[in-house]
Each structure stands twice: as structure tokens, then as C-alpha cells.
Amino acid sequence: MTAYPQYPLTLTLVRTAPHELSIVLEGDLDYASAGEFADTATAALSEHEGLRDLRIDCAELGLCDSSGLSALLVLRRRAAEKGVRIRLDRRGPALDRLLSISGTLPYLTGDPESATGPATG
């Protein structure tokens, strides 16, 4: 079995506009770091009054495994409950492929209203 190097996740929060916050990811979003990411991002939703957009900068994201994907999905649901849009910015091809294969690309890159599915009527 091939051992892959692990890159610890570093999270940097940057207030980019009055109603916008960016979380810059550097390293791997995986089993070891998904809990920390989810806790930090969820706290940011609660601590930043009037937040409308939460941007996740994925330019320096390494690996994202199923635990990382699960953390993104949980964050998306929690953000939608507060009316906050999630944006996954500067995604690399590996993350796009994971989101596409898992069928979560439209859910994680759409508006809060899509959290409950398509509108009918």
C-alpha cells in the first residue's frame, strides 16, 4: 500500500466585506481535520452578525476525503438555516471531481434555497 504524505489543515478567517467572511484552507480536509473545520466554520456563522456570504477558499486545499466532504455538507446545511450562502472558491480539479462524482456539486455551489431541493409549482 502506498503511503501518502499528510498535510495538516490550517484555517485562516478573513473578513472580506461587511457581510462576507472567507475561510482560507491550506492542507488536507480529511478525517483528522474535518471536525476542527466544522467547529471553526460553524462558530464563524454564529459569531459574525449579519453574515450573508461565507466563502471557502480552496486554492491551497490538498486532499479532501469523505470526512471532509461530510464536513462541507454539514456546514452547507447549517449556513442555509441562517440564510448564509456558501461559496467554494478557487476549487481544484480533484475537489471538483469529488463533488461531481458524489452528486454534491450543485448543492455545495448553489444558493441557500437549493438546500431543500428544487422549487415546485
C-alpha atoms as a PDB file:
ATOM      1  CA  MET A   1       0.000   0.000   0.000  1.00  0.00           C
ATOM      2  CA  THR A   2       1.255   3.446  -0.891  1.00  0.00           C
ATOM      3  CA  ALA A   3       1.512   5.892   1.976  1.00  0.00           C
ATOM      4  CA  TYR A   4       0.528   9.432   1.073  1.00  0.00           C
ATOM      5  CA  PRO A   5       2.016  12.388   2.905  1.00  0.00           C
ATOM      6  CA  GLN A   6      -0.355  14.191   5.210  1.00  0.00           C
ATOM      7  CA  TYR A   7      -0.621  17.954   5.206  1.00  0.00           C
ATOM      8  CA  PRO A   8      -2.209  19.355   8.365  1.00  0.00           C
ATOM      9  CA  LEU A   9      -5.085  21.725   7.728  1.00  0.00           C
ATOM     10  CA  THR A  10      -4.596  25.398   8.509  1.00  0.00           C
ATOM     11  CA  LEU A  11      -7.672  27.634   8.650  1.00  0.00           C
ATOM     12  CA  THR A  12      -7.431  31.402   8.257  1.00  0.00           C
ATOM     13  CA  LEU A  13     -10.529  33.574   8.673  1.00  0.00           C
ATOM     14  CA  VAL A  14     -10.569  36.856   6.764  1.00  0.00           C
ATOM     15  CA  ARG A  15     -13.367  39.435   6.860  1.00  0.00           C
ATOM     16  CA  THR A  16     -13.556  40.442   3.184  1.00  0.00           C
ATOM     17  CA  ALA A  17     -16.639  42.698   3.315  1.00  0.00           C
ATOM     18  CA  PRO A  18     -19.199  43.805   5.938  1.00  0.00           C
ATOM     19  CA  HIS A  19     -21.445  40.808   5.225  1.00  0.00           C
ATOM     20  CA  GLU A  20     -18.811  38.415   3.896  1.00  0.00           C
ATOM     21  CA  LEU A  21     -16.235  36.152   5.514  1.00  0.00           C
ATOM     22  CA  SER A  22     -13.616  33.971   3.866  1.00  0.00           C
ATOM     23  CA  ILE A  23     -12.077  30.834   5.334  1.00  0.00           C
ATOM     24  CA  VAL A  24      -8.792  30.035   3.623  1.00  0.00           C
ATOM     25  CA  LEU A  25      -7.970  26.319   3.670  1.00  0.00           C
ATOM     26  CA  GLU A  26      -4.372  25.144   3.445  1.00  0.00           C
ATOM     27  CA  GLY A  27      -3.643  21.429   3.673  1.00  0.00           C
ATOM     28  CA  ASP A  28      -5.861  18.353   3.796  1.00  0.00           C
ATOM     29  CA  LEU A  29      -9.540  18.345   4.748  1.00  0.00           C
ATOM     30  CA  ASP A  30      -9.816  14.760   5.915  1.00  0.00           C
ATOM     31  CA  TYR A  31     -10.757  12.506   8.813  1.00  0.00           C
ATOM     32  CA  ALA A  32      -8.135  14.129  11.043  1.00  0.00           C
ATOM     33  CA  SER A  33      -9.189  17.731  10.349  1.00  0.00           C
ATOM     34  CA  ALA A  34     -12.891  17.633   9.411  1.00  0.00           C
ATOM     35  CA  GLY A  35     -14.058  18.159  12.999  1.00  0.00           C
ATOM     36  CA  GLU A  36     -11.862  21.210  13.509  1.00  0.00           C
ATOM     37  CA  PHE A  37     -13.028  22.671  10.188  1.00  0.00           C
ATOM     38  CA  ALA A  38     -16.705  22.081  11.012  1.00  0.00           C
ATOM     39  CA  ASP A  39     -16.337  23.572  14.506  1.00  0.00           C
ATOM     40  CA  THR A  40     -14.456  26.649  13.276  1.00  0.00           C
ATOM     41  CA  ALA A  41     -16.802  27.301  10.358  1.00  0.00           C
ATOM     42  CA  THR A  42     -19.934  26.773  12.470  1.00  0.00           C
ATOM     43  CA  ALA A  43     -18.596  29.161  15.117  1.00  0.00           C
ATOM     44  CA  ALA A  44     -17.928  31.730  12.383  1.00  0.00           C
ATOM     45  CA  LEU A  45     -21.581  31.501  11.315  1.00  0.00           C
ATOM     46  CA  SER A  46     -22.684  32.323  14.863  1.00  0.00           C
ATOM     47  CA  GLU A  47     -20.063  34.933  15.719  1.00  0.00           C
ATOM     48  CA  HIS A  48     -20.338  37.162  12.644  1.00  0.00           C
ATOM     49  CA  GLU A  49     -23.610  39.067  12.876  1.00  0.00           C
ATOM     50  CA  GLY A  50     -25.242  39.895   9.543  1.00  0.00           C
ATOM     51  CA  LEU A  51     -23.159  37.416   7.582  1.00  0.00           C
ATOM     52  CA  ARG A  52     -24.613  36.715   4.131  1.00  0.00           C
ATOM     53  CA  ASP A  53     -21.735  35.008   2.334  1.00  0.00           C
ATOM     54  CA  LEU A  54     -19.221  32.502   3.650  1.00  0.00           C
ATOM     55  CA  ARG A  55     -16.502  31.912   1.103  1.00  0.00           C
ATOM     56  CA  ILE A  56     -14.277  28.863   1.404  1.00  0.00           C
ATOM     57  CA  ASP A  57     -11.002  29.483  -0.439  1.00  0.00           C
ATOM     58  CA  CYS A  58      -9.869  26.071  -1.700  1.00  0.00           C
ATOM     59  CA  ALA A  59      -6.804  27.153  -3.715  1.00  0.00           C
ATOM     60  CA  GLU A  60      -4.379  25.556  -1.247  1.00  0.00           C
ATOM     61  CA  LEU A  61      -6.616  22.619  -0.317  1.00  0.00           C
ATOM     62  CA  GLY A  62      -4.811  19.322  -0.712  1.00  0.00           C
ATOM     63  CA  LEU A  63      -6.784  16.146  -0.185  1.00  0.00           C
ATOM     64  CA  CYS A  64     -10.497  16.163   0.595  1.00  0.00           C
ATOM     65  CA  ASP A  65     -11.807  12.754   1.652  1.00  0.00           C
ATOM     66  CA  SER A  66     -15.308  11.585   2.595  1.00  0.00           C
ATOM     67  CA  SER A  67     -14.980  13.096   6.078  1.00  0.00           C
ATOM     68  CA  GLY A  68     -14.039  16.442   4.551  1.00  0.00           C
ATOM     69  CA  LEU A  69     -16.975  16.214   2.157  1.00  0.00           C
ATOM     70  CA  SER A  70     -19.270  15.408   5.067  1.00  0.00           C
ATOM     71  CA  ALA A  71     -17.994  18.476   6.954  1.00  0.00           C
ATOM     72  CA  LEU A  72     -18.710  20.666   3.910  1.00  0.00           C
ATOM     73  CA  LEU A  73     -22.231  19.237   3.664  1.00  0.00           C
ATOM     74  CA  VAL A  74     -22.921  19.839   7.363  1.00  0.00           C
ATOM     75  CA  LEU A  75     -21.635  23.404   7.027  1.00  0.00           C
ATOM     76  CA  ARG A  76     -23.828  23.965   3.964  1.00  0.00           C
ATOM     77  CA  ARG A  77     -26.908  22.843   5.893  1.00  0.00           C
ATOM     78  CA  ARG A  78     -26.087  24.997   8.924  1.00  0.00           C
ATOM     79  CA  ALA A  79     -25.383  28.012   6.730  1.00  0.00           C
ATOM     80  CA  ALA A  80     -28.646  27.565   4.814  1.00  0.00           C
ATOM     81  CA  GLU A  81     -30.547  27.518   8.119  1.00  0.00           C
ATOM     82  CA  LYS A  82     -29.127  31.003   8.790  1.00  0.00           C
ATOM     83  CA  GLY A  83     -29.680  32.256   5.235  1.00  0.00           C
ATOM     84  CA  VAL A  84     -25.949  32.363   4.515  1.00  0.00           C
ATOM     85  CA  ARG A  85     -24.592  31.396   1.090  1.00  0.00           C
ATOM     86  CA  ILE A  86     -21.565  29.127   0.895  1.00  0.00           C
ATOM     87  CA  ARG A  87     -19.115  29.659  -1.935  1.00  0.00           C
ATOM     88  CA  LEU A  88     -16.330  27.205  -2.649  1.00  0.00           C
ATOM     89  CA  ASP A  89     -13.822  29.489  -4.350  1.00  0.00           C
ATOM     90  CA  ARG A  90     -10.781  28.516  -6.413  1.00  0.00           C
ATOM     91  CA  ARG A  91     -11.582  24.807  -6.410  1.00  0.00           C
ATOM     92  CA  GLY A  92      -9.019  22.481  -7.906  1.00  0.00           C
ATOM     93  CA  PRO A  93      -9.826  19.642 -10.313  1.00  0.00           C
ATOM     94  CA  ALA A  94      -9.650  16.959  -7.599  1.00  0.00           C
ATOM     95  CA  LEU A  95     -12.265  18.710  -5.440  1.00  0.00           C
ATOM     96  CA  ASP A  96     -14.497  19.369  -8.447  1.00  0.00           C
ATOM     97  CA  ARG A  97     -14.261  15.694  -9.384  1.00  0.00           C
ATOM     98  CA  LEU A  98     -15.185  14.601  -5.835  1.00  0.00           C
ATOM     99  CA  LEU A  99     -18.166  16.964  -5.792  1.00  0.00           C
ATOM    100  CA  SER A 100     -19.252  15.876  -9.257  1.00  0.00           C
ATOM    101  CA  ILE A 101     -18.955  12.125  -8.607  1.00  0.00           C
ATOM    102  CA  SER A 102     -20.759  12.433  -5.269  1.00  0.00           C
ATOM    103  CA  GLY A 103     -23.558  14.488  -6.838  1.00  0.00           C
ATOM    104  CA  THR A 104     -22.965  17.335  -4.389  1.00  0.00           C
ATOM    105  CA  LEU A 105     -21.548  19.941  -6.780  1.00  0.00           C
ATOM    106  CA  PRO A 106     -24.849  21.814  -7.338  1.00  0.00           C
ATOM    107  CA  TYR A 107     -25.774  21.555  -3.642  1.00  0.00           C
ATOM    108  CA  LEU A 108     -22.462  22.912  -2.388  1.00  0.00           C
ATOM    109  CA  THR A 109     -22.100  25.614  -5.010  1.00  0.00           C
ATOM    110  CA  GLY A 110     -25.707  26.886  -5.198  1.00  0.00           C
ATOM    111  CA  ASP A 111     -27.851  29.291  -3.192  1.00  0.00           C
ATOM    112  CA  PRO A 112     -29.346  28.580   0.275  1.00  0.00           C
ATOM    113  CA  GLU A 113     -32.789  27.989  -1.241  1.00  0.00           C
ATOM    114  CA  SER A 114     -31.488  24.901  -3.058  1.00  0.00           C
ATOM    115  CA  ALA A 115     -30.820  23.233   0.298  1.00  0.00           C
ATOM    116  CA  THR A 116     -34.389  21.969   0.345  1.00  0.00           C
ATOM    117  CA  GLY A 117     -34.399  20.891  -3.289  1.00  0.00           C
ATOM    118  CA  PRO A 118     -35.876  22.411  -6.401  1.00  0.00           C
ATOM    119  CA  ALA A 119     -38.940  24.627  -6.171  1.00  0.00           C
ATOM    120  CA  THR A 120     -42.227  23.194  -7.354  1.00  0.00           C
ATOM    121  CA  GLY A 121     -45.275  24.894  -8.692  1.00  0.00           C
END
